[in-house]
Amino acid sequence: MKANARTEQLITRLRGVVWEESLVHNGSRIALMREYLRRSALWAQALDRADAWPFFDIAAAAGRGALLDEALLDSVLDGLEGRGLRPLDPRIIRYMLDFTALPARPQDPPDPFEPLLMVYERGGSFSRAAGSIRIGVGDGVPARSPERYARLAPVEDLGPAALDALDRSWEERRAEASRRVREADQRS
């Protein structure tokens, strides 16, 4: 099966990701992961698949099954091999690619994978640990309840300027926390 334009665009973006994790954009990556979890929760509710949340094959859950040729999926993954993917990444990439192949995608719920792709693009992979998703060193996003995430307000602006502002705010909070720790150490 030949890939459609959305699939080709996703493949191009995936090939541009530097998969080794970077802390440069942690603030925006945390916000983007929360937005992915919110959108994924909306899809999980719509498809009655809360049991599969947060990372699941939405196209398959929608009853469409694997939409892309396995050879194409394997080719994309082979092209990313050795670039720092973590164990969960190939499965998520398959879910993303299958989603792009949906013939008629509703506008609501919104595309769940765009914020997740941006998490990758702004700093590589992430990991899961004990009910949370780890972004960078020490930063986690709880992933315990799709109902909680489905009730969150959407992130309105996913543009570069807004995401960069989130990064600056995160850096300021980290610097302030470091300053307080140093002061506490000096008093001890």
N, C-alpha and C. Protein backbone atom coordinates (compact mmCIF):
# COMPACT_ATOMS: atom_id res chain seq x y z
N MET A 1 0.84 -1.18 0.00
CA MET A 1 0.00 0.00 0.00
C MET A 1 0.89 1.25 0.00
N LYS A 2 0.60 2.17 -0.85
CA LYS A 2 1.34 3.42 -0.91
C LYS A 2 0.90 4.33 0.23
N ALA A 3 1.86 5.02 0.82
CA ALA A 3 1.56 5.92 1.94
C ALA A 3 0.88 7.19 1.43
N ASN A 4 -0.06 7.70 2.21
CA ASN A 4 -0.71 8.96 1.86
C ASN A 4 0.17 10.13 2.29
N ALA A 5 -0.25 11.34 1.99
CA ALA A 5 0.56 12.54 2.28
C ALA A 5 0.79 12.71 3.78
N ARG A 6 -0.24 12.44 4.61
CA ARG A 6 -0.06 12.56 6.07
C ARG A 6 0.98 11.58 6.57
N THR A 7 0.95 10.36 6.05
CA THR A 7 1.91 9.34 6.46
C THR A 7 3.32 9.74 6.03
N GLU A 8 3.45 10.21 4.80
CA GLU A 8 4.77 10.64 4.30
C GLU A 8 5.32 11.78 5.14
N GLN A 9 4.45 12.72 5.51
CA GLN A 9 4.88 13.85 6.34
C GLN A 9 5.35 13.36 7.71
N LEU A 10 4.62 12.43 8.29
CA LEU A 10 5.02 11.87 9.58
C LEU A 10 6.36 11.16 9.47
N ILE A 11 6.55 10.38 8.43
CA ILE A 11 7.81 9.66 8.24
C ILE A 11 8.97 10.65 8.15
N THR A 12 8.78 11.73 7.42
CA THR A 12 9.82 12.75 7.29
C THR A 12 10.14 13.37 8.66
N ARG A 13 9.11 13.68 9.42
CA ARG A 13 9.33 14.27 10.74
C ARG A 13 10.01 13.29 11.68
N LEU A 14 9.62 12.02 11.63
CA LEU A 14 10.25 11.01 12.49
C LEU A 14 11.73 10.86 12.16
N ARG A 15 12.05 10.92 10.89
CA ARG A 15 13.46 10.79 10.48
C ARG A 15 14.28 11.99 10.95
N GLY A 16 13.65 13.11 11.20
CA GLY A 16 14.36 14.30 11.67
C GLY A 16 14.56 14.35 13.18
N VAL A 17 13.94 13.44 13.92
CA VAL A 17 14.04 13.45 15.38
C VAL A 17 15.43 13.00 15.82
N VAL A 18 15.99 13.73 16.78
CA VAL A 18 17.20 13.28 17.48
C VAL A 18 16.68 12.54 18.70
N TRP A 19 16.79 11.22 18.70
CA TRP A 19 16.11 10.37 19.68
C TRP A 19 16.76 10.36 21.05
N GLU A 20 18.03 10.73 21.13
CA GLU A 20 18.67 10.80 22.44
C GLU A 20 18.04 11.96 23.21
N GLU A 21 17.64 11.70 24.44
CA GLU A 21 16.91 12.70 25.20
C GLU A 21 17.77 13.91 25.54
N SER A 22 17.15 15.08 25.43
CA SER A 22 17.79 16.36 25.74
C SER A 22 16.91 17.08 26.75
N LEU A 23 17.53 17.86 27.62
CA LEU A 23 16.79 18.61 28.64
C LEU A 23 16.47 20.04 28.19
N VAL A 24 16.91 20.43 27.03
CA VAL A 24 16.78 21.81 26.58
C VAL A 24 15.33 22.29 26.59
N HIS A 25 14.40 21.44 26.21
CA HIS A 25 12.99 21.83 26.09
C HIS A 25 12.09 21.08 27.07
N ASN A 26 12.59 20.81 28.27
CA ASN A 26 11.80 20.02 29.21
C ASN A 26 10.45 20.64 29.57
N GLY A 27 10.41 21.95 29.77
CA GLY A 27 9.15 22.59 30.13
C GLY A 27 8.07 22.36 29.09
N SER A 28 8.41 22.56 27.83
CA SER A 28 7.42 22.36 26.77
C SER A 28 7.12 20.87 26.58
N ARG A 29 8.12 20.03 26.74
CA ARG A 29 7.90 18.59 26.57
C ARG A 29 6.92 18.06 27.61
N ILE A 30 7.00 18.57 28.84
CA ILE A 30 6.06 18.17 29.89
C ILE A 30 4.65 18.60 29.52
N ALA A 31 4.50 19.85 29.07
CA ALA A 31 3.17 20.35 28.66
C ALA A 31 2.64 19.56 27.47
N LEU A 32 3.50 19.26 26.51
CA LEU A 32 3.08 18.49 25.34
C LEU A 32 2.67 17.07 25.72
N MET A 33 3.39 16.46 26.66
CA MET A 33 3.01 15.11 27.11
C MET A 33 1.65 15.16 27.80
N ARG A 34 1.41 16.16 28.60
CA ARG A 34 0.09 16.30 29.25
C ARG A 34 -1.00 16.45 28.19
N GLU A 35 -0.71 17.22 27.15
CA GLU A 35 -1.71 17.40 26.08
C GLU A 35 -1.93 16.09 25.34
N TYR A 36 -0.86 15.33 25.10
CA TYR A 36 -1.05 14.01 24.49
C TYR A 36 -1.93 13.15 25.40
N LEU A 37 -1.63 13.12 26.69
CA LEU A 37 -2.41 12.29 27.62
C LEU A 37 -3.87 12.71 27.63
N ARG A 38 -4.13 14.01 27.54
CA ARG A 38 -5.51 14.51 27.49
C ARG A 38 -6.21 14.01 26.23
N ARG A 39 -5.55 14.20 25.09
CA ARG A 39 -6.16 13.78 23.83
C ARG A 39 -6.32 12.27 23.76
N SER A 40 -5.34 11.56 24.21
CA SER A 40 -5.42 10.09 24.23
C SER A 40 -6.56 9.63 25.13
N ALA A 41 -6.76 10.33 26.24
CA ALA A 41 -7.87 9.99 27.15
C ALA A 41 -9.21 10.21 26.48
N LEU A 42 -9.32 11.29 25.70
CA LEU A 42 -10.58 11.54 24.97
C LEU A 42 -10.85 10.42 23.97
N TRP A 43 -9.80 9.98 23.27
CA TRP A 43 -9.96 8.87 22.32
C TRP A 43 -10.30 7.58 23.07
N ALA A 44 -9.64 7.35 24.19
CA ALA A 44 -9.92 6.14 24.96
C ALA A 44 -11.38 6.11 25.41
N GLN A 45 -11.90 7.25 25.83
CA GLN A 45 -13.31 7.32 26.23
C GLN A 45 -14.22 7.11 25.02
N ALA A 46 -13.93 7.77 23.92
CA ALA A 46 -14.77 7.67 22.73
C ALA A 46 -14.81 6.26 22.18
N LEU A 47 -13.71 5.54 22.33
CA LEU A 47 -13.62 4.18 21.79
C LEU A 47 -13.82 3.10 22.86
N ASP A 48 -14.18 3.53 24.08
CA ASP A 48 -14.37 2.61 25.21
C ASP A 48 -13.13 1.74 25.42
N ARG A 49 -11.96 2.38 25.44
CA ARG A 49 -10.69 1.69 25.61
C ARG A 49 -9.85 2.30 26.73
N ALA A 50 -10.50 2.73 27.81
CA ALA A 50 -9.76 3.29 28.94
C ALA A 50 -8.73 2.30 29.48
N ASP A 51 -9.02 1.02 29.28
CA ASP A 51 -8.09 -0.02 29.75
C ASP A 51 -6.76 0.00 28.98
N ALA A 52 -6.74 0.55 27.78
CA ALA A 52 -5.54 0.57 26.95
C ALA A 52 -4.76 1.88 27.08
N TRP A 53 -5.33 2.88 27.68
CA TRP A 53 -4.71 4.19 27.84
C TRP A 53 -3.44 4.07 28.66
N PRO A 54 -2.38 4.82 28.41
CA PRO A 54 -2.30 6.02 27.61
C PRO A 54 -1.76 5.81 26.20
N PHE A 55 -1.01 4.74 25.96
CA PHE A 55 -0.42 4.52 24.64
C PHE A 55 -1.11 3.32 24.01
N PHE A 56 -1.93 3.58 22.99
CA PHE A 56 -2.63 2.47 22.35
C PHE A 56 -2.87 2.78 20.88
N ASP A 57 -3.16 1.73 20.13
CA ASP A 57 -3.36 1.84 18.69
C ASP A 57 -4.79 2.30 18.44
N ILE A 58 -4.94 3.60 18.29
CA ILE A 58 -6.26 4.20 18.13
C ILE A 58 -6.93 3.72 16.85
N ALA A 59 -6.17 3.58 15.78
CA ALA A 59 -6.74 3.10 14.51
C ALA A 59 -7.31 1.69 14.69
N ALA A 60 -6.58 0.83 15.38
CA ALA A 60 -7.08 -0.53 15.61
C ALA A 60 -8.29 -0.50 16.53
N ALA A 61 -8.26 0.34 17.56
CA ALA A 61 -9.39 0.44 18.49
C ALA A 61 -10.63 0.96 17.79
N ALA A 62 -10.43 1.76 16.75
CA ALA A 62 -11.57 2.28 15.98
C ALA A 62 -12.12 1.24 15.03
N GLY A 63 -11.55 0.02 15.08
CA GLY A 63 -12.04 -1.07 14.26
C GLY A 63 -11.46 -1.09 12.87
N ARG A 64 -10.41 -0.31 12.65
CA ARG A 64 -9.82 -0.25 11.31
C ARG A 64 -8.67 -1.24 11.15
N GLY A 65 -8.11 -1.72 12.28
CA GLY A 65 -6.97 -2.64 12.21
C GLY A 65 -5.74 -1.95 11.66
N ALA A 66 -4.72 -2.72 11.40
CA ALA A 66 -3.50 -2.16 10.83
C ALA A 66 -3.80 -1.67 9.43
N LEU A 67 -3.57 -0.40 9.21
CA LEU A 67 -3.94 0.21 7.94
C LEU A 67 -2.78 0.29 6.96
N LEU A 68 -1.57 0.27 7.48
CA LEU A 68 -0.41 0.39 6.61
C LEU A 68 0.22 -0.97 6.38
N ASP A 69 0.82 -1.09 5.26
CA ASP A 69 1.55 -2.30 4.91
C ASP A 69 2.66 -2.53 5.92
N GLU A 70 2.78 -3.76 6.39
CA GLU A 70 3.81 -4.11 7.38
C GLU A 70 5.21 -3.80 6.86
N ALA A 71 5.42 -3.96 5.57
CA ALA A 71 6.75 -3.68 5.00
C ALA A 71 7.10 -2.20 5.14
N LEU A 72 6.11 -1.31 4.97
CA LEU A 72 6.35 0.11 5.14
C LEU A 72 6.68 0.42 6.59
N LEU A 73 5.90 -0.13 7.51
CA LEU A 73 6.17 0.08 8.93
C LEU A 73 7.57 -0.40 9.30
N ASP A 74 7.92 -1.59 8.85
CA ASP A 74 9.25 -2.14 9.14
C ASP A 74 10.35 -1.28 8.53
N SER A 75 10.12 -0.77 7.33
CA SER A 75 11.10 0.08 6.67
C SER A 75 11.35 1.36 7.47
N VAL A 76 10.30 1.97 7.98
CA VAL A 76 10.45 3.18 8.78
C VAL A 76 11.23 2.86 10.05
N LEU A 77 10.85 1.80 10.73
CA LEU A 77 11.54 1.43 11.97
C LEU A 77 12.99 1.05 11.72
N ASP A 78 13.24 0.33 10.64
CA ASP A 78 14.62 -0.03 10.29
C ASP A 78 15.46 1.23 10.06
N GLY A 79 14.87 2.23 9.46
CA GLY A 79 15.58 3.48 9.20
C GLY A 79 15.90 4.26 10.46
N LEU A 80 15.20 3.95 11.55
CA LEU A 80 15.44 4.65 12.82
C LEU A 80 16.30 3.82 13.77
N GLU A 81 16.58 2.59 13.38
CA GLU A 81 17.35 1.69 14.24
C GLU A 81 18.73 2.27 14.52
N GLY A 82 19.17 2.10 15.75
CA GLY A 82 20.48 2.57 16.15
C GLY A 82 20.56 4.05 16.43
N ARG A 83 19.41 4.72 16.49
CA ARG A 83 19.41 6.18 16.70
C ARG A 83 18.95 6.56 18.10
N GLY A 84 18.84 5.59 19.01
CA GLY A 84 18.51 5.90 20.39
C GLY A 84 17.06 5.69 20.79
N LEU A 85 16.28 4.97 19.98
CA LEU A 85 14.91 4.69 20.37
C LEU A 85 14.89 3.85 21.64
N ARG A 86 13.91 4.11 22.48
CA ARG A 86 13.70 3.30 23.68
C ARG A 86 12.68 2.21 23.34
N PRO A 87 12.56 1.21 24.21
CA PRO A 87 11.69 0.06 23.87
C PRO A 87 10.24 0.41 23.52
N LEU A 88 9.67 1.44 24.12
CA LEU A 88 8.28 1.81 23.84
C LEU A 88 8.13 2.54 22.50
N ASP A 89 9.18 3.19 22.03
CA ASP A 89 9.10 4.04 20.84
C ASP A 89 8.63 3.32 19.57
N PRO A 90 9.17 2.15 19.22
CA PRO A 90 8.69 1.51 17.98
C PRO A 90 7.18 1.23 17.98
N ARG A 91 6.66 0.86 19.13
CA ARG A 91 5.22 0.60 19.21
C ARG A 91 4.44 1.89 19.01
N ILE A 92 4.88 2.98 19.64
CA ILE A 92 4.20 4.27 19.49
C ILE A 92 4.29 4.75 18.04
N ILE A 93 5.43 4.56 17.42
CA ILE A 93 5.60 4.96 16.01
C ILE A 93 4.61 4.20 15.14
N ARG A 94 4.43 2.92 15.39
CA ARG A 94 3.43 2.14 14.64
C ARG A 94 2.03 2.71 14.83
N TYR A 95 1.70 3.07 16.07
CA TYR A 95 0.39 3.65 16.34
C TYR A 95 0.21 4.96 15.60
N MET A 96 1.25 5.79 15.60
CA MET A 96 1.19 7.08 14.89
C MET A 96 0.98 6.87 13.40
N LEU A 97 1.76 5.97 12.83
CA LEU A 97 1.66 5.72 11.40
C LEU A 97 0.30 5.15 11.02
N ASP A 98 -0.21 4.21 11.81
CA ASP A 98 -1.55 3.68 11.53
C ASP A 98 -2.60 4.79 11.58
N PHE A 99 -2.46 5.70 12.55
CA PHE A 99 -3.42 6.78 12.70
C PHE A 99 -3.44 7.68 11.46
N THR A 100 -2.26 7.92 10.88
CA THR A 100 -2.21 8.79 9.69
C THR A 100 -2.92 8.15 8.50
N ALA A 101 -3.09 6.84 8.55
CA ALA A 101 -3.71 6.14 7.43
C ALA A 101 -5.23 6.04 7.55
N LEU A 102 -5.79 6.53 8.66
CA LEU A 102 -7.25 6.51 8.77
C LEU A 102 -7.84 7.30 7.61
N PRO A 103 -8.76 6.71 6.86
CA PRO A 103 -9.29 7.39 5.67
C PRO A 103 -10.10 8.63 5.99
N ALA A 104 -10.92 8.58 7.01
CA ALA A 104 -11.75 9.72 7.38
C ALA A 104 -11.61 9.91 8.88
N ARG A 105 -10.81 10.87 9.25
CA ARG A 105 -10.54 11.09 10.66
C ARG A 105 -11.40 12.24 11.16
N PRO A 106 -12.16 12.02 12.22
CA PRO A 106 -12.98 13.11 12.76
C PRO A 106 -12.10 14.19 13.39
N GLN A 107 -12.61 15.41 13.47
CA GLN A 107 -11.87 16.51 14.09
C GLN A 107 -11.91 16.40 15.61
N ASP A 108 -12.91 15.72 16.12
CA ASP A 108 -13.07 15.62 17.56
C ASP A 108 -13.28 14.16 17.92
N PRO A 109 -12.49 13.59 18.77
CA PRO A 109 -11.37 14.18 19.46
C PRO A 109 -10.24 14.56 18.50
N PRO A 110 -9.40 15.52 18.94
CA PRO A 110 -8.32 15.97 18.07
C PRO A 110 -7.22 14.92 17.92
N ASP A 111 -6.36 15.12 16.94
CA ASP A 111 -5.23 14.22 16.69
C ASP A 111 -4.42 14.06 17.97
N PRO A 112 -4.36 12.86 18.53
CA PRO A 112 -3.64 12.68 19.78
C PRO A 112 -2.13 12.68 19.59
N PHE A 113 -1.67 12.31 18.41
CA PHE A 113 -0.26 12.06 18.24
C PHE A 113 0.58 13.29 17.90
N GLU A 114 -0.04 14.38 17.49
CA GLU A 114 0.72 15.58 17.19
C GLU A 114 1.51 16.07 18.41
N PRO A 115 0.89 16.22 19.58
CA PRO A 115 1.69 16.65 20.74
C PRO A 115 2.79 15.63 21.11
N LEU A 116 2.51 14.36 20.94
CA LEU A 116 3.50 13.35 21.26
C LEU A 116 4.67 13.40 20.28
N LEU A 117 4.38 13.62 19.02
CA LEU A 117 5.44 13.79 18.03
C LEU A 117 6.29 15.00 18.39
N MET A 118 5.65 16.06 18.85
CA MET A 118 6.38 17.26 19.25
C MET A 118 7.25 17.00 20.49
N VAL A 119 6.80 16.13 21.38
CA VAL A 119 7.65 15.73 22.52
C VAL A 119 8.95 15.15 21.99
N TYR A 120 8.83 14.26 21.03
CA TYR A 120 10.03 13.66 20.42
C TYR A 120 10.87 14.73 19.72
N GLU A 121 10.24 15.58 18.94
CA GLU A 121 10.98 16.58 18.17
C GLU A 121 11.70 17.60 19.04
N ARG A 122 11.15 17.87 20.22
CA ARG A 122 11.75 18.89 21.09
C ARG A 122 12.71 18.29 22.11
N GLY A 123 13.07 17.03 21.98
CA GLY A 123 14.05 16.53 22.94
C GLY A 123 14.17 15.04 23.04
N GLY A 124 13.73 14.31 22.04
CA GLY A 124 13.94 12.87 22.03
C GLY A 124 12.89 12.09 22.79
N SER A 125 13.31 10.95 23.24
CA SER A 125 12.40 9.98 23.83
C SER A 125 12.08 10.31 25.29
N PHE A 126 11.32 9.43 25.89
CA PHE A 126 10.90 9.52 27.28
C PHE A 126 10.78 8.09 27.79
N SER A 127 10.44 7.92 29.04
CA SER A 127 10.29 6.57 29.57
C SER A 127 9.09 6.51 30.50
N ARG A 128 8.68 5.30 30.81
CA ARG A 128 7.57 5.07 31.74
C ARG A 128 8.13 4.44 32.99
N ALA A 129 7.61 4.86 34.13
CA ALA A 129 8.04 4.27 35.40
C ALA A 129 6.94 4.46 36.44
N ALA A 130 6.48 3.38 36.99
CA ALA A 130 5.56 3.39 38.14
C ALA A 130 4.45 4.43 38.05
N GLY A 131 3.64 4.35 37.04
CA GLY A 131 2.47 5.21 36.94
C GLY A 131 2.76 6.62 36.45
N SER A 132 3.98 6.86 35.97
CA SER A 132 4.25 8.18 35.42
C SER A 132 5.10 8.05 34.16
N ILE A 133 5.16 9.13 33.45
CA ILE A 133 5.99 9.20 32.25
C ILE A 133 7.12 10.15 32.57
N ARG A 134 8.34 9.67 32.44
CA ARG A 134 9.52 10.45 32.80
C ARG A 134 9.99 11.27 31.60
N ILE A 135 10.09 12.57 31.85
CA ILE A 135 10.61 13.51 30.86
C ILE A 135 11.87 14.10 31.47
N GLY A 136 13.00 13.79 30.92
CA GLY A 136 14.24 14.31 31.46
C GLY A 136 14.59 13.67 32.79
N VAL A 137 15.44 14.35 33.53
CA VAL A 137 15.91 13.84 34.81
C VAL A 137 15.02 14.37 35.92
N GLY A 138 14.31 13.48 36.57
CA GLY A 138 13.52 13.86 37.73
C GLY A 138 12.15 14.45 37.44
N ASP A 139 11.80 14.68 36.20
CA ASP A 139 10.50 15.25 35.89
C ASP A 139 9.57 14.14 35.41
N GLY A 140 8.43 14.04 36.06
CA GLY A 140 7.47 13.02 35.66
C GLY A 140 6.09 13.62 35.46
N VAL A 141 5.35 12.99 34.60
CA VAL A 141 3.96 13.36 34.35
C VAL A 141 3.13 12.16 34.79
N PRO A 142 2.30 12.32 35.84
CA PRO A 142 1.50 11.17 36.28
C PRO A 142 0.59 10.67 35.15
N ALA A 143 0.47 9.36 35.05
CA ALA A 143 -0.39 8.76 34.02
C ALA A 143 -1.24 7.68 34.66
N ARG A 144 -2.07 8.08 35.59
CA ARG A 144 -2.84 7.10 36.35
C ARG A 144 -4.33 7.05 36.00
N SER A 145 -4.87 8.13 35.42
CA SER A 145 -6.31 8.17 35.22
C SER A 145 -6.70 8.89 33.93
N PRO A 146 -7.21 8.15 32.95
CA PRO A 146 -7.66 8.84 31.74
C PRO A 146 -8.83 9.79 32.02
N GLU A 147 -9.65 9.47 33.01
CA GLU A 147 -10.78 10.35 33.33
C GLU A 147 -10.28 11.72 33.76
N ARG A 148 -9.21 11.75 34.56
CA ARG A 148 -8.64 13.01 35.02
C ARG A 148 -8.12 13.83 33.83
N TYR A 149 -7.41 13.19 32.93
CA TYR A 149 -6.85 13.90 31.79
C TYR A 149 -7.93 14.36 30.82
N ALA A 150 -8.99 13.59 30.66
CA ALA A 150 -10.06 13.97 29.74
C ALA A 150 -10.76 15.25 30.19
N ARG A 151 -10.70 15.56 31.48
CA ARG A 151 -11.34 16.77 32.01
C ARG A 151 -10.46 18.01 31.91
N LEU A 152 -9.18 17.86 31.60
CA LEU A 152 -8.28 19.00 31.53
C LEU A 152 -8.62 19.90 30.35
N ALA A 153 -8.33 21.17 30.52
CA ALA A 153 -8.48 22.12 29.42
C ALA A 153 -7.37 21.85 28.40
N PRO A 154 -7.65 22.03 27.13
CA PRO A 154 -6.61 21.81 26.12
C PRO A 154 -5.53 22.87 26.17
N VAL A 155 -4.35 22.50 25.72
CA VAL A 155 -3.29 23.49 25.52
C VAL A 155 -3.69 24.24 24.26
N GLU A 156 -3.91 25.51 24.39
CA GLU A 156 -4.43 26.31 23.28
C GLU A 156 -3.39 26.61 22.21
N ASP A 157 -2.15 26.84 22.62
CA ASP A 157 -1.13 27.27 21.68
C ASP A 157 0.05 26.30 21.70
N LEU A 158 0.22 25.56 20.61
CA LEU A 158 1.34 24.65 20.47
C LEU A 158 2.41 25.21 19.55
N GLY A 159 2.37 26.51 19.32
CA GLY A 159 3.34 27.16 18.44
C GLY A 159 4.69 27.28 19.12
N PRO A 160 5.74 27.48 18.33
CA PRO A 160 7.11 27.55 18.87
C PRO A 160 7.30 28.62 19.95
N ALA A 161 6.72 29.81 19.78
CA ALA A 161 6.91 30.87 20.77
C ALA A 161 6.30 30.49 22.12
N ALA A 162 5.10 29.93 22.09
CA ALA A 162 4.44 29.51 23.34
C ALA A 162 5.22 28.38 24.00
N LEU A 163 5.71 27.44 23.21
CA LEU A 163 6.48 26.32 23.77
C LEU A 163 7.81 26.81 24.33
N ASP A 164 8.44 27.75 23.65
CA ASP A 164 9.70 28.31 24.16
C ASP A 164 9.46 29.05 25.48
N ALA A 165 8.32 29.72 25.61
CA ALA A 165 7.99 30.41 26.87
C ALA A 165 7.83 29.39 28.00
N LEU A 166 7.23 28.25 27.71
CA LEU A 166 7.13 27.19 28.72
C LEU A 166 8.51 26.69 29.14
N ASP A 167 9.42 26.59 28.19
CA ASP A 167 10.78 26.16 28.51
C ASP A 167 11.47 27.18 29.42
N ARG A 168 11.32 28.47 29.11
CA ARG A 168 11.94 29.51 29.95
C ARG A 168 11.38 29.47 31.37
N SER A 169 10.07 29.30 31.49
CA SER A 169 9.43 29.24 32.80
C SER A 169 9.93 28.03 33.58
N TRP A 170 10.06 26.90 32.91
CA TRP A 170 10.57 25.69 33.56
C TRP A 170 12.00 25.92 34.04
N GLU A 171 12.85 26.52 33.19
CA GLU A 171 14.24 26.80 33.56
C GLU A 171 14.30 27.73 34.77
N GLU A 172 13.44 28.75 34.80
CA GLU A 172 13.41 29.67 35.93
C GLU A 172 13.02 28.95 37.21
N ARG A 173 12.03 28.07 37.15
CA ARG A 173 11.62 27.30 38.33
C ARG A 173 12.75 26.39 38.81
N ARG A 174 13.44 25.74 37.86
CA ARG A 174 14.56 24.87 38.22
C ARG A 174 15.69 25.66 38.86
N ALA A 175 16.00 26.84 38.31
CA ALA A 175 17.06 27.68 38.87
C ALA A 175 16.69 28.14 40.28
N GLU A 176 15.44 28.53 40.48
CA GLU A 176 14.98 28.95 41.81
C GLU A 176 15.05 27.80 42.80
N ALA A 177 14.65 26.61 42.38
CA ALA A 177 14.73 25.44 43.27
C ALA A 177 16.19 25.14 43.63
N SER A 178 17.09 25.25 42.67
CA SER A 178 18.51 25.02 42.94
C SER A 178 19.05 26.06 43.91
N ARG A 179 18.63 27.30 43.73
CA ARG A 179 19.07 28.38 44.62
C ARG A 179 18.62 28.10 46.05
N ARG A 180 17.37 27.68 46.24
CA ARG A 180 16.86 27.37 47.58
C ARG A 180 17.61 26.21 48.22
N VAL A 181 17.96 25.20 47.42
CA VAL A 181 18.72 24.06 47.95
C VAL A 181 20.10 24.53 48.39
N ARG A 182 20.75 25.34 47.57
CA ARG A 182 22.09 25.85 47.95
C ARG A 182 22.02 26.67 49.23
N GLU A 183 21.01 27.53 49.35
CA GLU A 183 20.85 28.34 50.56
C GLU A 183 20.60 27.45 51.78
N ALA A 184 19.79 26.43 51.61
CA ALA A 184 19.52 25.52 52.73
C ALA A 184 20.80 24.77 53.12
N ASP A 185 21.59 24.37 52.14
CA ASP A 185 22.85 23.70 52.43
C ASP A 185 23.81 24.61 53.17
N GLN A 186 23.83 25.89 52.81
CA GLN A 186 24.73 26.85 53.45
C GLN A 186 24.33 27.11 54.89
N ARG A 187 23.03 27.04 55.17
CA ARG A 187 22.55 27.26 56.54
C ARG A 187 22.82 26.06 57.43
N SER A 188 22.98 24.89 56.83
CA SER A 188 23.17 23.66 57.63
C SER A 188 24.55 23.54 58.18
